[in-house]
C-alpha cells in the first residue's frame, strides 16, 4: 500500500516506504514512514484505515449546542466597568 505524503527535505510528494499506522497522544491516527529518495522520516496525519473495531458512535443529543461561559471573561468585564 503506497500512501503519498509530503517530504520536507525533498519538498515534494512521494510514496512512503515502510509505512505503519500509529496513534498519536491525542488519539488521532496517523501514518509514519520513510522517503524512498532521501530516507527522511515522513508523517501523514489522519492517514490509513481502521484495522481494529470501529469507534463507538456518539450519543444522540437534543441537537442544541451548549454554550459554556468563562468565569475569567466575566471577571474581566466587571473589572473594566469599575474603572472610571
N, C-alpha and C. Protein backbone atom coordinates (compact mmCIF):
# COMPACT_ATOMS: atom_id res chain seq x y z
N UNK A 1 0.85 -1.18 0.00
CA UNK A 1 0.00 0.00 0.00
C UNK A 1 0.89 1.24 0.00
N UNK A 2 0.89 1.98 -1.06
CA UNK A 2 1.74 3.15 -1.19
C UNK A 2 0.91 4.41 -0.93
N UNK A 3 1.17 5.03 0.19
CA UNK A 3 0.48 6.26 0.55
C UNK A 3 1.39 7.44 0.24
N UNK A 4 0.83 8.46 -0.36
CA UNK A 4 1.62 9.64 -0.66
C UNK A 4 1.62 10.58 0.53
N UNK A 5 2.78 11.12 0.82
CA UNK A 5 2.95 12.10 1.89
C UNK A 5 3.99 13.11 1.42
N UNK A 6 4.04 14.25 2.09
CA UNK A 6 4.96 15.33 1.72
C UNK A 6 6.29 15.13 2.42
N UNK A 7 7.37 15.12 1.65
CA UNK A 7 8.73 15.03 2.21
C UNK A 7 9.24 16.46 2.40
N UNK A 8 9.59 16.80 3.61
CA UNK A 8 10.03 18.16 3.92
C UNK A 8 11.41 18.43 3.33
N UNK A 9 12.26 17.43 3.31
CA UNK A 9 13.61 17.61 2.80
C UNK A 9 13.63 17.73 1.27
N UNK A 10 12.88 16.85 0.58
CA UNK A 10 12.81 16.89 -0.89
C UNK A 10 11.86 17.99 -1.39
N UNK A 11 10.95 18.43 -0.54
CA UNK A 11 9.92 19.41 -0.88
C UNK A 11 9.04 18.92 -2.02
N UNK A 12 8.61 17.66 -1.92
CA UNK A 12 7.76 17.05 -2.94
C UNK A 12 6.94 15.94 -2.31
N UNK A 13 5.81 15.61 -2.96
CA UNK A 13 5.01 14.48 -2.51
C UNK A 13 5.63 13.20 -3.06
N UNK A 14 5.77 12.22 -2.18
CA UNK A 14 6.36 10.94 -2.57
C UNK A 14 5.60 9.81 -1.90
N UNK A 15 5.74 8.61 -2.46
CA UNK A 15 5.16 7.42 -1.83
C UNK A 15 6.01 7.03 -0.63
N UNK A 16 5.35 6.75 0.49
CA UNK A 16 6.06 6.37 1.71
C UNK A 16 6.52 4.92 1.62
N UNK A 17 7.70 4.64 2.17
CA UNK A 17 8.19 3.28 2.32
C UNK A 17 8.10 2.90 3.79
N UNK A 18 7.96 1.62 4.05
CA UNK A 18 7.91 1.08 5.42
C UNK A 18 6.87 1.80 6.27
N UNK A 19 5.71 2.08 5.68
CA UNK A 19 4.70 2.83 6.42
C UNK A 19 4.02 1.94 7.45
N UNK A 20 3.69 2.57 8.57
CA UNK A 20 2.96 1.87 9.61
C UNK A 20 1.97 2.82 10.25
N UNK A 21 0.86 2.27 10.69
CA UNK A 21 -0.18 3.09 11.31
C UNK A 21 0.15 3.25 12.78
N UNK A 22 0.09 4.50 13.26
CA UNK A 22 0.34 4.79 14.67
C UNK A 22 -0.82 5.60 15.22
N UNK A 23 -0.89 5.71 16.53
CA UNK A 23 -1.87 6.54 17.20
C UNK A 23 -1.13 7.61 17.99
N UNK A 24 -1.49 8.86 17.76
CA UNK A 24 -0.83 9.97 18.46
C UNK A 24 -1.34 10.07 19.89
N UNK A 25 -0.72 10.93 20.69
CA UNK A 25 -1.10 11.11 22.09
C UNK A 25 -2.54 11.57 22.24
N UNK A 26 -3.04 12.35 21.29
CA UNK A 26 -4.41 12.86 21.38
C UNK A 26 -5.44 11.86 20.85
N UNK A 27 -5.00 10.67 20.41
CA UNK A 27 -5.93 9.64 19.96
C UNK A 27 -6.15 9.60 18.46
N UNK A 28 -5.64 10.56 17.72
CA UNK A 28 -5.82 10.56 16.27
C UNK A 28 -4.88 9.55 15.63
N UNK A 29 -5.32 8.97 14.52
CA UNK A 29 -4.49 8.03 13.78
C UNK A 29 -3.60 8.78 12.80
N UNK A 30 -2.45 8.20 12.51
CA UNK A 30 -1.52 8.78 11.55
C UNK A 30 -0.70 7.67 10.92
N UNK A 31 -0.03 7.98 9.81
CA UNK A 31 0.87 7.05 9.16
C UNK A 31 2.29 7.60 9.26
N UNK A 32 3.23 6.71 9.54
CA UNK A 32 4.62 7.09 9.65
C UNK A 32 5.42 6.20 8.72
N UNK A 33 6.39 6.77 8.02
CA UNK A 33 7.21 6.00 7.08
C UNK A 33 8.46 6.78 6.72
N UNK A 34 9.14 6.33 5.67
CA UNK A 34 10.36 7.00 5.23
C UNK A 34 10.25 7.37 3.75
N UNK A 35 11.00 8.39 3.37
CA UNK A 35 11.05 8.84 1.98
C UNK A 35 11.95 7.89 1.20
N UNK A 36 11.51 7.42 0.02
CA UNK A 36 12.33 6.49 -0.75
C UNK A 36 13.57 7.14 -1.38
N UNK A 37 13.58 8.47 -1.52
CA UNK A 37 14.69 9.16 -2.18
C UNK A 37 15.78 9.55 -1.18
N UNK A 38 15.39 10.25 -0.09
CA UNK A 38 16.40 10.77 0.84
C UNK A 38 16.43 10.03 2.18
N UNK A 39 15.41 9.24 2.48
CA UNK A 39 15.40 8.48 3.73
C UNK A 39 14.88 9.24 4.95
N UNK A 40 14.36 10.43 4.73
CA UNK A 40 13.82 11.24 5.81
C UNK A 40 12.51 10.64 6.31
N UNK A 41 12.25 10.78 7.61
CA UNK A 41 11.01 10.28 8.19
C UNK A 41 9.84 11.13 7.69
N UNK A 42 8.78 10.45 7.23
CA UNK A 42 7.59 11.13 6.73
C UNK A 42 6.43 10.83 7.66
N UNK A 43 5.45 11.71 7.68
CA UNK A 43 4.35 11.60 8.61
C UNK A 43 3.10 12.15 7.95
N UNK A 44 1.99 11.41 8.06
CA UNK A 44 0.73 11.87 7.49
C UNK A 44 -0.37 11.70 8.53
N UNK A 45 -0.93 12.80 8.98
CA UNK A 45 -1.98 12.78 10.00
C UNK A 45 -3.30 12.38 9.35
N UNK A 46 -4.03 11.50 10.01
CA UNK A 46 -5.34 11.08 9.52
C UNK A 46 -5.26 10.04 8.43
N UNK A 47 -4.10 9.55 8.13
CA UNK A 47 -3.95 8.56 7.08
C UNK A 47 -4.25 7.16 7.57
N UNK A 48 -4.50 6.28 6.64
CA UNK A 48 -4.70 4.87 6.98
C UNK A 48 -6.14 4.52 7.23
N UNK A 49 -6.39 3.23 7.30
CA UNK A 49 -7.73 2.73 7.55
C UNK A 49 -7.80 2.13 8.95
N UNK A 50 -8.98 2.02 9.45
CA UNK A 50 -9.17 1.42 10.76
C UNK A 50 -9.05 -0.09 10.62
N UNK A 51 -8.10 -0.68 11.36
CA UNK A 51 -7.92 -2.13 11.30
C UNK A 51 -8.52 -2.82 12.51
N UNK A 52 -8.83 -2.05 13.54
CA UNK A 52 -9.43 -2.62 14.74
C UNK A 52 -10.93 -2.34 14.74
N UNK A 53 -11.59 -2.61 15.85
CA UNK A 53 -13.03 -2.38 15.95
C UNK A 53 -13.34 -0.90 15.75
N UNK A 54 -14.51 -0.64 15.21
CA UNK A 54 -14.93 0.74 14.93
C UNK A 54 -15.10 1.52 16.23
N UNK A 55 -14.90 2.80 16.15
CA UNK A 55 -15.06 3.67 17.32
C UNK A 55 -16.53 3.74 17.71
N UNK A 56 -16.82 3.91 19.00
CA UNK A 56 -18.22 3.98 19.41
C UNK A 56 -18.90 5.23 18.85
N UNK A 57 -20.17 5.08 18.53
CA UNK A 57 -20.92 6.20 17.97
C UNK A 57 -21.27 7.19 19.05
N UNK A 58 -21.38 8.45 18.67
CA UNK A 58 -21.74 9.50 19.62
C UNK A 58 -23.22 9.36 19.98
N UNK A 59 -23.54 9.69 21.22
CA UNK A 59 -24.93 9.61 21.66
C UNK A 59 -25.74 10.74 21.03
N UNK A 60 -26.96 10.42 20.69
CA UNK A 60 -27.85 11.43 20.11
C UNK A 60 -28.28 12.38 21.21
N UNK A 61 -28.07 13.66 20.99
CA UNK A 61 -28.43 14.67 21.98
C UNK A 61 -29.70 15.39 21.59
N UNK A 62 -29.93 16.51 22.22
CA UNK A 62 -31.12 17.30 21.94
C UNK A 62 -30.95 18.12 20.67
N UNK A 63 -29.72 18.20 20.17
CA UNK A 63 -29.47 18.96 18.96
C UNK A 63 -29.13 20.41 19.23
N UNK A 64 -29.24 20.81 20.48
CA UNK A 64 -28.91 22.19 20.84
C UNK A 64 -27.48 22.24 21.35
N UNK A 65 -26.64 23.09 20.79
CA UNK A 65 -25.28 23.21 21.30
C UNK A 65 -25.28 23.93 22.64
N UNK A 66 -24.45 23.47 23.54
CA UNK A 66 -24.36 24.11 24.85
C UNK A 66 -23.26 25.16 24.80
N UNK A 67 -23.51 26.29 25.42
CA UNK A 67 -22.54 27.36 25.44
C UNK A 67 -22.03 27.50 26.86
N UNK A 68 -20.72 27.37 27.01
CA UNK A 68 -20.12 27.47 28.32
C UNK A 68 -19.53 28.87 28.46
N UNK A 69 -19.82 29.50 29.57
CA UNK A 69 -19.28 30.83 29.81
C UNK A 69 -18.10 30.72 30.77
N UNK A 70 -17.13 31.53 30.55
CA UNK A 70 -15.92 31.51 31.35
C UNK A 70 -16.03 32.49 32.49
N UNK A 71 -15.60 32.07 33.66
CA UNK A 71 -15.63 32.98 34.81
C UNK A 71 -14.58 34.07 34.65
N UNK A 72 -13.49 33.78 33.92
CA UNK A 72 -12.47 34.78 33.67
C UNK A 72 -13.01 35.92 32.82
N UNK A 73 -13.82 35.57 31.83
CA UNK A 73 -14.40 36.59 30.95
C UNK A 73 -15.33 37.49 31.75
N UNK A 74 -16.08 36.91 32.66
CA UNK A 74 -16.97 37.72 33.49
C UNK A 74 -16.17 38.62 34.41
N UNK A 75 -15.08 38.11 34.95
CA UNK A 75 -14.26 38.90 35.86
C UNK A 75 -13.63 40.08 35.13
N UNK A 76 -13.22 39.89 33.91
CA UNK A 76 -12.61 40.96 33.14
C UNK A 76 -13.63 42.06 32.84
N UNK A 77 -14.84 41.68 32.50
CA UNK A 77 -15.84 42.69 32.18
C UNK A 77 -16.25 43.48 33.42
N UNK A 78 -16.30 42.84 34.56
CA UNK A 78 -16.63 43.54 35.79
C UNK A 78 -15.53 44.51 36.18
N UNK A 79 -14.28 44.10 36.02
CA UNK A 79 -13.17 44.97 36.41
C UNK A 79 -13.09 46.18 35.48
N UNK A 80 -13.46 46.04 34.24
CA UNK A 80 -13.42 47.17 33.31
C UNK A 80 -14.51 48.19 33.63
N UNK A 81 -15.66 47.73 34.07
CA UNK A 81 -16.74 48.67 34.36
C UNK A 81 -16.49 49.43 35.65
N UNK A 82 -15.74 48.87 36.58
CA UNK A 82 -15.45 49.56 37.84
C UNK A 82 -14.48 50.71 37.65
N UNK A 83 -13.60 50.60 36.66
CA UNK A 83 -12.62 51.66 36.42
C UNK A 83 -13.28 52.81 35.68
N UNK A 84 -13.33 53.94 36.29
CA UNK A 84 -13.87 55.13 35.63
C UNK A 84 -13.11 56.35 36.01
